[in-house]
Amino acid sequence: MRDDDRLITLLTCSGISHTGQLTTRTGTSLRCRHPVLISRHLRLTALKRPLETELQEDECLVAVDGCEECCAKKRMDMIGKTPDAYIVATREGITKRGMDEPRYDEIEGLSRAILRRVRE
């Protein structure tokens, strides 16, 4: 990442299902491991202000949904915002498993997919 690069905000759906929790844990992990690359992690289900107020014009927005419900994408569509990158965990080989806990290998796999997209 260069000084002239935009700050990256990660928006995760963070629902209660397996894949929603996977997006939360992955976002938290990435933010901790790559704080210069990922400047903010917003969890859609834990916003303190409306999404349109939370988002900043000068940031690069990477949205991550856990499944085909596409909650984060639908919310962004409602406010007319298009993310710079969009990822769905189930399209990255993750199988939705009800209310099971996300596994380490799933967190790592989704992390790799997000980092690959961010670095493109």
PDB file of N, CA and C in Angstrom:
ATOM      1  N   MET A   1       0.845  -1.173   0.000  1.00  0.00           N
ATOM      2  CA  MET A   1       0.000   0.000   0.000  1.00  0.00           C
ATOM      3  C   MET A   1       0.890   1.236   0.000  1.00  0.00           C
ATOM      4  N   ARG A   2       0.560   2.203  -0.841  1.00  0.00           N
ATOM      5  CA  ARG A   2       1.342   3.432  -0.940  1.00  0.00           C
ATOM      6  C   ARG A   2       0.624   4.558  -0.207  1.00  0.00           C
ATOM      7  N   ASP A   3       1.366   5.649   0.065  1.00  0.00           N
ATOM      8  CA  ASP A   3       0.792   6.789   0.776  1.00  0.00           C
ATOM      9  C   ASP A   3      -0.383   7.415   0.044  1.00  0.00           C
ATOM     10  N   ASP A   4      -0.385   7.331  -1.294  1.00  0.00           N
ATOM     11  CA  ASP A   4      -1.465   7.960  -2.048  1.00  0.00           C
ATOM     12  C   ASP A   4      -2.669   7.036  -2.230  1.00  0.00           C
ATOM     13  N   ASP A   5      -2.603   5.816  -1.704  1.00  0.00           N
ATOM     14  CA  ASP A   5      -3.730   4.888  -1.769  1.00  0.00           C
ATOM     15  C   ASP A   5      -4.828   5.327  -0.812  1.00  0.00           C
ATOM     16  N   ARG A   6      -6.069   5.047  -1.201  1.00  0.00           N
ATOM     17  CA  ARG A   6      -7.193   5.360  -0.325  1.00  0.00           C
ATOM     18  C   ARG A   6      -7.237   4.387   0.842  1.00  0.00           C
ATOM     19  N   LEU A   7      -7.789   4.850   1.951  1.00  0.00           N
ATOM     20  CA  LEU A   7      -7.976   3.973   3.102  1.00  0.00           C
ATOM     21  C   LEU A   7      -9.036   2.933   2.760  1.00  0.00           C
ATOM     22  N   ILE A   8      -8.867   1.710   3.275  1.00  0.00           N
ATOM     23  CA  ILE A   8      -9.805   0.628   2.983  1.00  0.00           C
ATOM     24  C   ILE A   8     -10.698   0.388   4.186  1.00  0.00           C
ATOM     25  N   THR A   9     -12.000   0.428   3.921  1.00  0.00           N
ATOM     26  CA  THR A   9     -12.994   0.093   4.931  1.00  0.00           C
ATOM     27  C   THR A   9     -13.624  -1.229   4.531  1.00  0.00           C
ATOM     28  N   LEU A  10     -13.686  -2.140   5.474  1.00  0.00           N
ATOM     29  CA  LEU A  10     -14.293  -3.444   5.266  1.00  0.00           C
ATOM     30  C   LEU A  10     -15.675  -3.417   5.903  1.00  0.00           C
ATOM     31  N   LEU A  11     -16.708  -3.672   5.108  1.00  0.00           N
ATOM     32  CA  LEU A  11     -18.085  -3.742   5.595  1.00  0.00           C
ATOM     33  C   LEU A  11     -18.524  -5.189   5.523  1.00  0.00           C
ATOM     34  N   THR A  12     -18.840  -5.786   6.676  1.00  0.00           N
ATOM     35  CA  THR A  12     -19.263  -7.186   6.703  1.00  0.00           C
ATOM     36  C   THR A  12     -20.719  -7.287   7.122  1.00  0.00           C
ATOM     37  N   CYS A  13     -21.406  -8.292   6.580  1.00  0.00           N
ATOM     38  CA  CYS A  13     -22.828  -8.465   6.906  1.00  0.00           C
ATOM     39  C   CYS A  13     -23.009  -8.791   8.383  1.00  0.00           C
ATOM     40  N   SER A  14     -22.158  -9.647   8.920  1.00  0.00           N
ATOM     41  CA  SER A  14     -22.131  -9.971  10.351  1.00  0.00           C
ATOM     42  C   SER A  14     -23.458 -10.473  10.910  1.00  0.00           C
ATOM     43  N   GLY A  15     -24.140 -11.292  10.137  1.00  0.00           N
ATOM     44  CA  GLY A  15     -25.390 -11.877  10.607  1.00  0.00           C
ATOM     45  C   GLY A  15     -25.168 -12.938  11.671  1.00  0.00           C
ATOM     46  N   ILE A  16     -26.242 -13.593  12.094  1.00  0.00           N
ATOM     47  CA  ILE A  16     -26.148 -14.567  13.185  1.00  0.00           C
ATOM     48  C   ILE A  16     -25.823 -15.979  12.708  1.00  0.00           C
ATOM     49  N   SER A  17     -25.933 -16.228  11.412  1.00  0.00           N
ATOM     50  CA  SER A  17     -25.650 -17.573  10.896  1.00  0.00           C
ATOM     51  C   SER A  17     -24.148 -17.833  10.862  1.00  0.00           C
ATOM     52  N   HIS A  18     -23.792 -19.047  10.520  1.00  0.00           N
ATOM     53  CA  HIS A  18     -22.391 -19.452  10.393  1.00  0.00           C
ATOM     54  C   HIS A  18     -21.613 -18.497   9.490  1.00  0.00           C
ATOM     55  N   THR A  19     -22.131 -18.227   8.300  1.00  0.00           N
ATOM     56  CA  THR A  19     -21.386 -17.385   7.363  1.00  0.00           C
ATOM     57  C   THR A  19     -21.386 -15.920   7.795  1.00  0.00           C
ATOM     58  N   GLY A  20     -22.420 -15.469   8.451  1.00  0.00           N
ATOM     59  CA  GLY A  20     -22.435 -14.102   8.980  1.00  0.00           C
ATOM     60  C   GLY A  20     -21.381 -13.920  10.058  1.00  0.00           C
ATOM     61  N   GLN A  21     -21.291 -14.892  10.953  1.00  0.00           N
ATOM     62  CA  GLN A  21     -20.265 -14.843  11.995  1.00  0.00           C
ATOM     63  C   GLN A  21     -18.866 -14.985  11.390  1.00  0.00           C
ATOM     64  N   LEU A  22     -18.776 -15.744  10.324  1.00  0.00           N
ATOM     65  CA  LEU A  22     -17.499 -15.885   9.621  1.00  0.00           C
ATOM     66  C   LEU A  22     -17.033 -14.529   9.093  1.00  0.00           C
ATOM     67  N   THR A  23     -17.932 -13.735   8.527  1.00  0.00           N
ATOM     68  CA  THR A  23     -17.521 -12.421   8.012  1.00  0.00           C
ATOM     69  C   THR A  23     -17.047 -11.517   9.146  1.00  0.00           C
ATOM     70  N   THR A  24     -17.702 -11.599  10.311  1.00  0.00           N
ATOM     71  CA  THR A  24     -17.296 -10.794  11.459  1.00  0.00           C
ATOM     72  C   THR A  24     -15.898 -11.181  11.920  1.00  0.00           C
ATOM     73  N   ARG A  25     -15.686 -12.458  12.128  1.00  0.00           N
ATOM     74  CA  ARG A  25     -14.381 -12.923  12.623  1.00  0.00           C
ATOM     75  C   ARG A  25     -13.266 -12.662  11.613  1.00  0.00           C
ATOM     76  N   THR A  26     -13.580 -12.813  10.355  1.00  0.00           N
ATOM     77  CA  THR A  26     -12.589 -12.545   9.314  1.00  0.00           C
ATOM     78  C   THR A  26     -12.238 -11.061   9.292  1.00  0.00           C
ATOM     79  N   GLY A  27     -13.254 -10.201   9.349  1.00  0.00           N
ATOM     80  CA  GLY A  27     -13.003  -8.758   9.362  1.00  0.00           C
ATOM     81  C   GLY A  27     -12.175  -8.330  10.554  1.00  0.00           C
ATOM     82  N   THR A  28     -12.487  -8.862  11.722  1.00  0.00           N
ATOM     83  CA  THR A  28     -11.736  -8.543  12.935  1.00  0.00           C
ATOM     84  C   THR A  28     -10.297  -9.021  12.813  1.00  0.00           C
ATOM     85  N   SER A  29     -10.123 -10.216  12.300  1.00  0.00           N
ATOM     86  CA  SER A  29      -8.785 -10.770  12.122  1.00  0.00           C
ATOM     87  C   SER A  29      -7.960  -9.926  11.151  1.00  0.00           C
ATOM     88  N   LEU A  30      -8.547  -9.581  10.025  1.00  0.00           N
ATOM     89  CA  LEU A  30      -7.822  -8.776   9.036  1.00  0.00           C
ATOM     90  C   LEU A  30      -7.455  -7.403   9.579  1.00  0.00           C
ATOM     91  N   ARG A  31      -8.369  -6.790  10.282  1.00  0.00           N
ATOM     92  CA  ARG A  31      -8.124  -5.454  10.852  1.00  0.00           C
ATOM     93  C   ARG A  31      -6.967  -5.513  11.848  1.00  0.00           C
ATOM     94  N   CYS A  32      -6.901  -6.570  12.630  1.00  0.00           N
ATOM     95  CA  CYS A  32      -5.819  -6.722  13.612  1.00  0.00           C
ATOM     96  C   CYS A  32      -4.486  -7.061  12.948  1.00  0.00           C
ATOM     97  N   ARG A  33      -4.516  -7.922  11.945  1.00  0.00           N
ATOM     98  CA  ARG A  33      -3.279  -8.362  11.303  1.00  0.00           C
ATOM     99  C   ARG A  33      -2.742  -7.385  10.264  1.00  0.00           C
ATOM    100  N   HIS A  34      -3.632  -6.557   9.692  1.00  0.00           N
ATOM    101  CA  HIS A  34      -3.236  -5.628   8.626  1.00  0.00           C
ATOM    102  C   HIS A  34      -3.818  -4.239   8.879  1.00  0.00           C
ATOM    103  N   PRO A  35      -3.470  -3.597   9.995  1.00  0.00           N
ATOM    104  CA  PRO A  35      -4.093  -2.313  10.339  1.00  0.00           C
ATOM    105  C   PRO A  35      -3.759  -1.168   9.380  1.00  0.00           C
ATOM    106  N   VAL A  36      -2.658  -1.270   8.675  1.00  0.00           N
ATOM    107  CA  VAL A  36      -2.329  -0.225   7.697  1.00  0.00           C
ATOM    108  C   VAL A  36      -3.157  -0.414   6.428  1.00  0.00           C
ATOM    109  N   LEU A  37      -3.416  -1.639   6.067  1.00  0.00           N
ATOM    110  CA  LEU A  37      -4.181  -1.948   4.865  1.00  0.00           C
ATOM    111  C   LEU A  37      -5.683  -1.764   5.091  1.00  0.00           C
ATOM    112  N   ILE A  38      -6.201  -2.316   6.182  1.00  0.00           N
ATOM    113  CA  ILE A  38      -7.625  -2.232   6.509  1.00  0.00           C
ATOM    114  C   ILE A  38      -7.777  -1.200   7.624  1.00  0.00           C
ATOM    115  N   SER A  39      -8.231  -0.008   7.271  1.00  0.00           N
ATOM    116  CA  SER A  39      -8.288   1.068   8.266  1.00  0.00           C
ATOM    117  C   SER A  39      -9.511   0.971   9.179  1.00  0.00           C
ATOM    118  N   ARG A  40     -10.610   0.414   8.645  1.00  0.00           N
ATOM    119  CA  ARG A  40     -11.820   0.282   9.463  1.00  0.00           C
ATOM    120  C   ARG A  40     -12.547  -1.013   9.119  1.00  0.00           C
ATOM    121  N   HIS A  41     -13.243  -1.565  10.118  1.00  0.00           N
ATOM    122  CA  HIS A  41     -14.109  -2.723   9.918  1.00  0.00           C
ATOM    123  C   HIS A  41     -15.477  -2.354  10.471  1.00  0.00           C
ATOM    124  N   LEU A  42     -16.449  -2.234   9.586  1.00  0.00           N
ATOM    125  CA  LEU A  42     -17.820  -1.933   9.992  1.00  0.00           C
ATOM    126  C   LEU A  42     -18.653  -3.198   9.907  1.00  0.00           C
ATOM    127  N   ARG A  43     -19.345  -3.509  10.996  1.00  0.00           N
ATOM    128  CA  ARG A  43     -20.255  -4.651  11.009  1.00  0.00           C
ATOM    129  C   ARG A  43     -21.662  -4.125  10.772  1.00  0.00           C
ATOM    130  N   LEU A  44     -22.292  -4.565   9.708  1.00  0.00           N
ATOM    131  CA  LEU A  44     -23.608  -4.059   9.314  1.00  0.00           C
ATOM    132  C   LEU A  44     -24.623  -4.151  10.449  1.00  0.00           C
ATOM    133  N   THR A  45     -24.553  -5.205  11.237  1.00  0.00           N
ATOM    134  CA  THR A  45     -25.531  -5.409  12.307  1.00  0.00           C
ATOM    135  C   THR A  45     -25.202  -4.634  13.580  1.00  0.00           C
ATOM    136  N   ALA A  46     -24.075  -3.921  13.593  1.00  0.00           N
ATOM    137  CA  ALA A  46     -23.666  -3.216  14.818  1.00  0.00           C
ATOM    138  C   ALA A  46     -23.365  -1.734  14.573  1.00  0.00           C
ATOM    139  N   LEU A  47     -23.925  -1.182  13.512  1.00  0.00           N
ATOM    140  CA  LEU A  47     -23.681   0.229  13.216  1.00  0.00           C
ATOM    141  C   LEU A  47     -24.341   1.118  14.262  1.00  0.00           C
ATOM    142  N   LYS A  48     -23.637   2.145  14.674  1.00  0.00           N
ATOM    143  CA  LYS A  48     -24.186   3.088  15.647  1.00  0.00           C
ATOM    144  C   LYS A  48     -24.899   4.246  14.945  1.00  0.00           C
ATOM    145  N   ARG A  49     -24.568   4.445  13.665  1.00  0.00           N
ATOM    146  CA  ARG A  49     -25.199   5.480  12.853  1.00  0.00           C
ATOM    147  C   ARG A  49     -25.684   4.843  11.551  1.00  0.00           C
ATOM    148  N   PRO A  50     -26.548   5.520  10.797  1.00  0.00           N
ATOM    149  CA  PRO A  50     -26.970   4.970   9.501  1.00  0.00           C
ATOM    150  C   PRO A  50     -25.763   4.720   8.593  1.00  0.00           C
ATOM    151  N   LEU A  51     -25.854   3.705   7.758  1.00  0.00           N
ATOM    152  CA  LEU A  51     -24.744   3.329   6.888  1.00  0.00           C
ATOM    153  C   LEU A  51     -24.258   4.506   6.053  1.00  0.00           C
ATOM    154  N   GLU A  52     -25.165   5.282   5.494  1.00  0.00           N
ATOM    155  CA  GLU A  52     -24.758   6.401   4.651  1.00  0.00           C
ATOM    156  C   GLU A  52     -23.955   7.457   5.418  1.00  0.00           C
ATOM    157  N   THR A  53     -24.163   7.534   6.722  1.00  0.00           N
ATOM    158  CA  THR A  53     -23.394   8.450   7.571  1.00  0.00           C
ATOM    159  C   THR A  53     -22.037   7.862   7.925  1.00  0.00           C
ATOM    160  N   GLU A  54     -21.969   6.551   8.078  1.00  0.00           N
ATOM    161  CA  GLU A  54     -20.722   5.865   8.435  1.00  0.00           C
ATOM    162  C   GLU A  54     -19.693   5.881   7.309  1.00  0.00           C
ATOM    163  N   LEU A  55     -20.170   5.792   6.081  1.00  0.00           N
ATOM    164  CA  LEU A  55     -19.254   5.696   4.942  1.00  0.00           C
ATOM    165  C   LEU A  55     -18.660   7.054   4.607  1.00  0.00           C
ATOM    166  N   GLN A  56     -17.393   7.034   4.201  1.00  0.00           N
ATOM    167  CA  GLN A  56     -16.686   8.257   3.835  1.00  0.00           C
ATOM    168  C   GLN A  56     -16.395   8.229   2.342  1.00  0.00           C
ATOM    169  N   GLU A  57     -16.439   9.380   1.720  1.00  0.00           N
ATOM    170  CA  GLU A  57     -16.250   9.478   0.272  1.00  0.00           C
ATOM    171  C   GLU A  57     -14.866   9.059  -0.204  1.00  0.00           C
ATOM    172  N   ASP A  58     -13.838   9.311   0.586  1.00  0.00           N
ATOM    173  CA  ASP A  58     -12.471   9.101   0.131  1.00  0.00           C
ATOM    174  C   ASP A  58     -11.909   7.722   0.457  1.00  0.00           C
ATOM    175  N   GLU A  59     -12.729   6.812   0.933  1.00  0.00           N
ATOM    176  CA  GLU A  59     -12.230   5.494   1.294  1.00  0.00           C
ATOM    177  C   GLU A  59     -12.577   4.465   0.220  1.00  0.00           C
ATOM    178  N   CYS A  60     -11.826   3.400   0.211  1.00  0.00           N
ATOM    179  CA  CYS A  60     -12.100   2.261  -0.659  1.00  0.00           C
ATOM    180  C   CYS A  60     -12.977   1.301   0.147  1.00  0.00           C
ATOM    181  N   LEU A  61     -14.149   0.997  -0.361  1.00  0.00           N
ATOM    182  CA  LEU A  61     -15.094   0.153   0.364  1.00  0.00           C
ATOM    183  C   LEU A  61     -15.079  -1.267  -0.181  1.00  0.00           C
ATOM    184  N   VAL A  62     -14.790  -2.207   0.706  1.00  0.00           N
ATOM    185  CA  VAL A  62     -14.841  -3.627   0.373  1.00  0.00           C
ATOM    186  C   VAL A  62     -15.976  -4.224   1.196  1.00  0.00           C
ATOM    187  N   ALA A  63     -16.997  -4.718   0.520  1.00  0.00           N
ATOM    188  CA  ALA A  63     -18.164  -5.297   1.194  1.00  0.00           C
ATOM    189  C   ALA A  63     -18.078  -6.814   1.133  1.00  0.00           C
ATOM    190  N   VAL A  64     -18.401  -7.456   2.259  1.00  0.00           N
ATOM    191  CA  VAL A  64     -18.328  -8.916   2.345  1.00  0.00           C
ATOM    192  C   VAL A  64     -19.644  -9.441   2.913  1.00  0.00           C
ATOM    193  N   ASP A  65     -20.335 -10.231   2.101  1.00  0.00           N
ATOM    194  CA  ASP A  65     -21.537 -10.929   2.551  1.00  0.00           C
ATOM    195  C   ASP A  65     -21.178 -12.378   2.804  1.00  0.00           C
ATOM    196  N   GLY A  66     -21.888 -12.994   3.720  1.00  0.00           N
ATOM    197  CA  GLY A  66     -21.621 -14.394   4.035  1.00  0.00           C
ATOM    198  C   GLY A  66     -22.282 -15.360   3.085  1.00  0.00           C
ATOM    199  N   CYS A  67     -23.464 -14.992   2.589  1.00  0.00           N
ATOM    200  CA  CYS A  67     -24.223 -15.922   1.764  1.00  0.00           C
ATOM    201  C   CYS A  67     -25.001 -15.171   0.678  1.00  0.00           C
ATOM    202  N   GLU A  68     -25.814 -15.906  -0.025  1.00  0.00           N
ATOM    203  CA  GLU A  68     -26.578 -15.357  -1.146  1.00  0.00           C
ATOM    204  C   GLU A  68     -27.746 -14.459  -0.724  1.00  0.00           C
ATOM    205  N   GLU A  69     -27.959 -14.307   0.574  1.00  0.00           N
ATOM    206  CA  GLU A  69     -28.964 -13.333   1.028  1.00  0.00           C
ATOM    207  C   GLU A  69     -28.502 -11.920   0.704  1.00  0.00           C
ATOM    208  N   CYS A  70     -27.181 -11.724   0.656  1.00  0.00           N
ATOM    209  CA  CYS A  70     -26.550 -10.463   0.243  1.00  0.00           C
ATOM    210  C   CYS A  70     -27.052  -9.257   1.038  1.00  0.00           C
ATOM    211  N   CYS A  71     -27.078  -9.388   2.353  1.00  0.00           N
ATOM    212  CA  CYS A  71     -27.597  -8.324   3.226  1.00  0.00           C
ATOM    213  C   CYS A  71     -26.825  -7.013   3.089  1.00  0.00           C
ATOM    214  N   ALA A  72     -25.502  -7.087   3.068  1.00  0.00           N
ATOM    215  CA  ALA A  72     -24.702  -5.862   2.937  1.00  0.00           C
ATOM    216  C   ALA A  72     -24.944  -5.215   1.579  1.00  0.00           C
ATOM    217  N   LYS A  73     -24.983  -6.009   0.530  1.00  0.00           N
ATOM    218  CA  LYS A  73     -25.216  -5.482  -0.820  1.00  0.00           C
ATOM    219  C   LYS A  73     -26.589  -4.832  -0.919  1.00  0.00           C
ATOM    220  N   LYS A  74     -27.597  -5.466  -0.373  1.00  0.00           N
ATOM    221  CA  LYS A  74     -28.949  -4.891  -0.403  1.00  0.00           C
ATOM    222  C   LYS A  74     -28.990  -3.553   0.325  1.00  0.00           C
ATOM    223  N   ARG A  75     -28.323  -3.486   1.457  1.00  0.00           N
ATOM    224  CA  ARG A  75     -28.296  -2.243   2.234  1.00  0.00           C
ATOM    225  C   ARG A  75     -27.583  -1.134   1.475  1.00  0.00           C
ATOM    226  N   MET A  76     -26.493  -1.476   0.806  1.00  0.00           N
ATOM    227  CA  MET A  76     -25.774  -0.482   0.004  1.00  0.00           C
ATOM    228  C   MET A  76     -26.617  -0.036  -1.190  1.00  0.00           C
ATOM    229  N   ASP A  77     -27.319  -0.982  -1.814  1.00  0.00           N
ATOM    230  CA  ASP A  77     -28.203  -0.640  -2.931  1.00  0.00           C
ATOM    231  C   ASP A  77     -29.275   0.360  -2.490  1.00  0.00           C
ATOM    232  N   MET A  78     -29.771   0.185  -1.260  1.00  0.00           N
ATOM    233  CA  MET A  78     -30.813   1.087  -0.743  1.00  0.00           C
ATOM    234  C   MET A  78     -30.339   2.532  -0.651  1.00  0.00           C
ATOM    235  N   ILE A  79     -29.059   2.729  -0.410  1.00  0.00           N
ATOM    236  CA  ILE A  79     -28.539   4.092  -0.283  1.00  0.00           C
ATOM    237  C   ILE A  79     -27.780   4.538  -1.540  1.00  0.00           C
ATOM    238  N   GLY A  80     -27.796   3.697  -2.569  1.00  0.00           N
ATOM    239  CA  GLY A  80     -27.158   4.055  -3.829  1.00  0.00           C
ATOM    240  C   GLY A  80     -25.643   4.015  -3.814  1.00  0.00           C
ATOM    241  N   LYS A  81     -25.084   3.172  -2.974  1.00  0.00           N
ATOM    242  CA  LYS A  81     -23.622   3.065  -2.850  1.00  0.00           C
ATOM    243  C   LYS A  81     -23.145   1.769  -3.506  1.00  0.00           C
ATOM    244  N   THR A  82     -22.110   1.868  -4.325  1.00  0.00           N
ATOM    245  CA  THR A  82     -21.508   0.700  -4.946  1.00  0.00           C
ATOM    246  C   THR A  82     -20.132   0.486  -4.327  1.00  0.00           C
ATOM    247  N   PRO A  83     -19.870  -0.710  -3.802  1.00  0.00           N
ATOM    248  CA  PRO A  83     -18.558  -0.958  -3.199  1.00  0.00           C
ATOM    249  C   PRO A  83     -17.476  -1.039  -4.276  1.00  0.00           C
ATOM    250  N   ASP A  84     -16.264  -0.767  -3.887  1.00  0.00           N
ATOM    251  CA  ASP A  84     -15.138  -0.893  -4.812  1.00  0.00           C
ATOM    252  C   ASP A  84     -14.837  -2.364  -5.080  1.00  0.00           C
ATOM    253  N   ALA A  85     -15.125  -3.210  -4.112  1.00  0.00           N
ATOM    254  CA  ALA A  85     -14.974  -4.659  -4.268  1.00  0.00           C
ATOM    255  C   ALA A  85     -16.085  -5.321  -3.464  1.00  0.00           C
ATOM    256  N   TYR A  86     -16.572  -6.439  -3.981  1.00  0.00           N
ATOM    257  CA  TYR A  86     -17.668  -7.151  -3.322  1.00  0.00           C
ATOM    258  C   TYR A  86     -17.357  -8.644  -3.322  1.00  0.00           C
ATOM    259  N   ILE A  87     -17.488  -9.269  -2.160  1.00  0.00           N
ATOM    260  CA  ILE A  87     -17.166 -10.685  -1.980  1.00  0.00           C
ATOM    261  C   ILE A  87     -18.313 -11.365  -1.235  1.00  0.00           C
ATOM    262  N   VAL A  88     -18.653 -12.570  -1.667  1.00  0.00           N
ATOM    263  CA  VAL A  88     -19.642 -13.395  -0.970  1.00  0.00           C
ATOM    264  C   VAL A  88     -18.923 -14.680  -0.552  1.00  0.00           C
ATOM    265  N   ALA A  89     -18.927 -14.958   0.728  1.00  0.00           N
ATOM    266  CA  ALA A  89     -18.175 -16.103   1.255  1.00  0.00           C
ATOM    267  C   ALA A  89     -18.559 -17.419   0.585  1.00  0.00           C
ATOM    268  N   THR A  90     -19.842 -17.645   0.351  1.00  0.00           N
ATOM    269  CA  THR A  90     -20.260 -18.912  -0.257  1.00  0.00           C
ATOM    270  C   THR A  90     -19.793 -19.036  -1.704  1.00  0.00           C
ATOM    271  N   ARG A  91     -19.484 -17.917  -2.351  1.00  0.00           N
ATOM    272  CA  ARG A  91     -18.929 -17.955  -3.714  1.00  0.00           C
ATOM    273  C   ARG A  91     -17.425 -18.209  -3.689  1.00  0.00           C
ATOM    274  N   GLU A  92     -16.857 -18.177  -2.498  1.00  0.00           N
ATOM    275  CA  GLU A  92     -15.422 -18.425  -2.318  1.00  0.00           C
ATOM    276  C   GLU A  92     -15.165 -19.826  -1.771  1.00  0.00           C
ATOM    277  N   GLY A  93     -16.152 -20.706  -1.888  1.00  0.00           N
ATOM    278  CA  GLY A  93     -15.972 -22.093  -1.475  1.00  0.00           C
ATOM    279  C   GLY A  93     -16.396 -22.409  -0.046  1.00  0.00           C
ATOM    280  N   ILE A  94     -16.952 -21.438   0.666  1.00  0.00           N
ATOM    281  CA  ILE A  94     -17.418 -21.669   2.037  1.00  0.00           C
ATOM    282  C   ILE A  94     -18.828 -22.264   1.967  1.00  0.00           C
ATOM    283  N   THR A  95     -19.062 -23.312   2.714  1.00  0.00           N
ATOM    284  CA  THR A  95     -20.381 -23.928   2.783  1.00  0.00           C
ATOM    285  C   THR A  95     -21.091 -23.430   4.028  1.00  0.00           C
ATOM    286  N   LYS A  96     -22.293 -22.915   3.838  1.00  0.00           N
ATOM    287  CA  LYS A  96     -23.079 -22.427   4.976  1.00  0.00           C
ATOM    288  C   LYS A  96     -23.498 -23.622   5.824  1.00  0.00           C
ATOM    289  N   ARG A  97     -23.236 -23.531   7.150  1.00  0.00           N
ATOM    290  CA  ARG A  97     -23.501 -24.661   8.043  1.00  0.00           C
ATOM    291  C   ARG A  97     -24.387 -24.244   9.211  1.00  0.00           C
ATOM    292  N   GLY A  98     -25.522 -23.678   8.907  1.00  0.00           N
ATOM    293  CA  GLY A  98     -26.481 -23.324   9.955  1.00  0.00           C
ATOM    294  C   GLY A  98     -25.913 -22.379  10.980  1.00  0.00           C
ATOM    295  N   MET A  99     -25.933 -22.808  12.235  1.00  0.00           N
ATOM    296  CA  MET A  99     -25.453 -21.972  13.329  1.00  0.00           C
ATOM    297  C   MET A  99     -24.105 -22.451  13.874  1.00  0.00           C
ATOM    298  N   ASP A 100     -23.417 -23.309  13.117  1.00  0.00           N
ATOM    299  CA  ASP A 100     -22.100 -23.793  13.544  1.00  0.00           C
ATOM    300  C   ASP A 100     -21.117 -22.632  13.670  1.00  0.00           C
ATOM    301  N   GLU A 101     -20.113 -22.839  14.500  1.00  0.00           N
ATOM    302  CA  GLU A 101     -19.045 -21.852  14.670  1.00  0.00           C
ATOM    303  C   GLU A 101     -18.134 -21.867  13.438  1.00  0.00           C
ATOM    304  N   PRO A 102     -17.689 -20.705  12.983  1.00  0.00           N
ATOM    305  CA  PRO A 102     -16.718 -20.682  11.882  1.00  0.00           C
ATOM    306  C   PRO A 102     -15.414 -21.349  12.313  1.00  0.00           C
ATOM    307  N   ARG A 103     -14.818 -22.077  11.391  1.00  0.00           N
ATOM    308  CA  ARG A 103     -13.546 -22.746  11.655  1.00  0.00           C
ATOM    309  C   ARG A 103     -12.385 -21.848  11.234  1.00  0.00           C
ATOM    310  N   TYR A 104     -11.231 -22.126  11.807  1.00  0.00           N
ATOM    311  CA  TYR A 104     -10.026 -21.361  11.499  1.00  0.00           C
ATOM    312  C   TYR A 104      -9.713 -21.395   9.999  1.00  0.00           C
ATOM    313  N   ASP A 105      -9.824 -22.572   9.379  1.00  0.00           N
ATOM    314  CA  ASP A 105      -9.505 -22.673   7.953  1.00  0.00           C
ATOM    315  C   ASP A 105     -10.463 -21.841   7.106  1.00  0.00           C
ATOM    316  N   GLU A 106     -11.707 -21.695   7.546  1.00  0.00           N
ATOM    317  CA  GLU A 106     -12.663 -20.858   6.817  1.00  0.00           C
ATOM    318  C   GLU A 106     -12.306 -19.376   6.959  1.00  0.00           C
ATOM    319  N   ILE A 107     -11.916 -18.977   8.158  1.00  0.00           N
ATOM    320  CA  ILE A 107     -11.500 -17.587   8.391  1.00  0.00           C
ATOM    321  C   ILE A 107     -10.274 -17.269   7.535  1.00  0.00           C
ATOM    322  N   GLU A 108      -9.324 -18.178   7.511  1.00  0.00           N
ATOM    323  CA  GLU A 108      -8.114 -17.974   6.711  1.00  0.00           C
ATOM    324  C   GLU A 108      -8.426 -17.942   5.218  1.00  0.00           C
ATOM    325  N   GLY A 109      -9.293 -18.817   4.767  1.00  0.00           N
ATOM    326  CA  GLY A 109      -9.664 -18.850   3.350  1.00  0.00           C
ATOM    327  C   GLY A 109     -10.358 -17.577   2.908  1.00  0.00           C
ATOM    328  N   LEU A 110     -11.303 -17.097   3.715  1.00  0.00           N
ATOM    329  CA  LEU A 110     -12.001 -15.858   3.380  1.00  0.00           C
ATOM    330  C   LEU A 110     -11.050 -14.674   3.488  1.00  0.00           C
ATOM    331  N   SER A 111     -10.144 -14.701   4.449  1.00  0.00           N
ATOM    332  CA  SER A 111      -9.129 -13.646   4.573  1.00  0.00           C
ATOM    333  C   SER A 111      -8.285 -13.558   3.309  1.00  0.00           C
ATOM    334  N   ARG A 112      -7.850 -14.704   2.812  1.00  0.00           N
ATOM    335  CA  ARG A 112      -7.042 -14.732   1.583  1.00  0.00           C
ATOM    336  C   ARG A 112      -7.823 -14.166   0.402  1.00  0.00           C
ATOM    337  N   ALA A 113      -9.105 -14.513   0.296  1.00  0.00           N
ATOM    338  CA  ALA A 113      -9.930 -14.007  -0.810  1.00  0.00           C
ATOM    339  C   ALA A 113     -10.072 -12.488  -0.729  1.00  0.00           C
ATOM    340  N   ILE A 114     -10.274 -11.968   0.470  1.00  0.00           N
ATOM    341  CA  ILE A 114     -10.417 -10.516   0.648  1.00  0.00           C
ATOM    342  C   ILE A 114      -9.102  -9.810   0.322  1.00  0.00           C
ATOM    343  N   LEU A 115      -7.994 -10.317   0.863  1.00  0.00           N
ATOM    344  CA  LEU A 115      -6.685  -9.700   0.599  1.00  0.00           C
ATOM    345  C   LEU A 115      -6.341  -9.731  -0.884  1.00  0.00           C
ATOM    346  N   ARG A 116      -6.664 -10.828  -1.542  1.00  0.00           N
ATOM    347  CA  ARG A 116      -6.413 -10.933  -2.988  1.00  0.00           C
ATOM    348  C   ARG A 116      -7.184  -9.843  -3.726  1.00  0.00           C
ATOM    349  N   ARG A 117      -8.440  -9.658  -3.381  1.00  0.00           N
ATOM    350  CA  ARG A 117      -9.275  -8.645  -4.030  1.00  0.00           C
ATOM    351  C   ARG A 117      -8.793  -7.243  -3.718  1.00  0.00           C
ATOM    352  N   VAL A 118      -8.409  -6.990  -2.486  1.00  0.00           N
ATOM    353  CA  VAL A 118      -7.927  -5.669  -2.060  1.00  0.00           C
ATOM    354  C   VAL A 118      -6.648  -5.296  -2.800  1.00  0.00           C
ATOM    355  N   ARG A 119      -5.800  -6.266  -3.019  1.00  0.00           N
ATOM    356  CA  ARG A 119      -4.496  -5.988  -3.634  1.00  0.00           C
ATOM    357  C   ARG A 119      -4.551  -5.924  -5.148  1.00  0.00           C
ATOM    358  N   GLU A 120      -5.698  -6.262  -5.750  1.00  0.00           N
ATOM    359  CA  GLU A 120      -5.842  -6.202  -7.208  1.00  0.00           C
ATOM    360  C   GLU A 120      -5.837  -4.761  -7.697  1.00  0.00           C
TER     361      GLU A 120
END
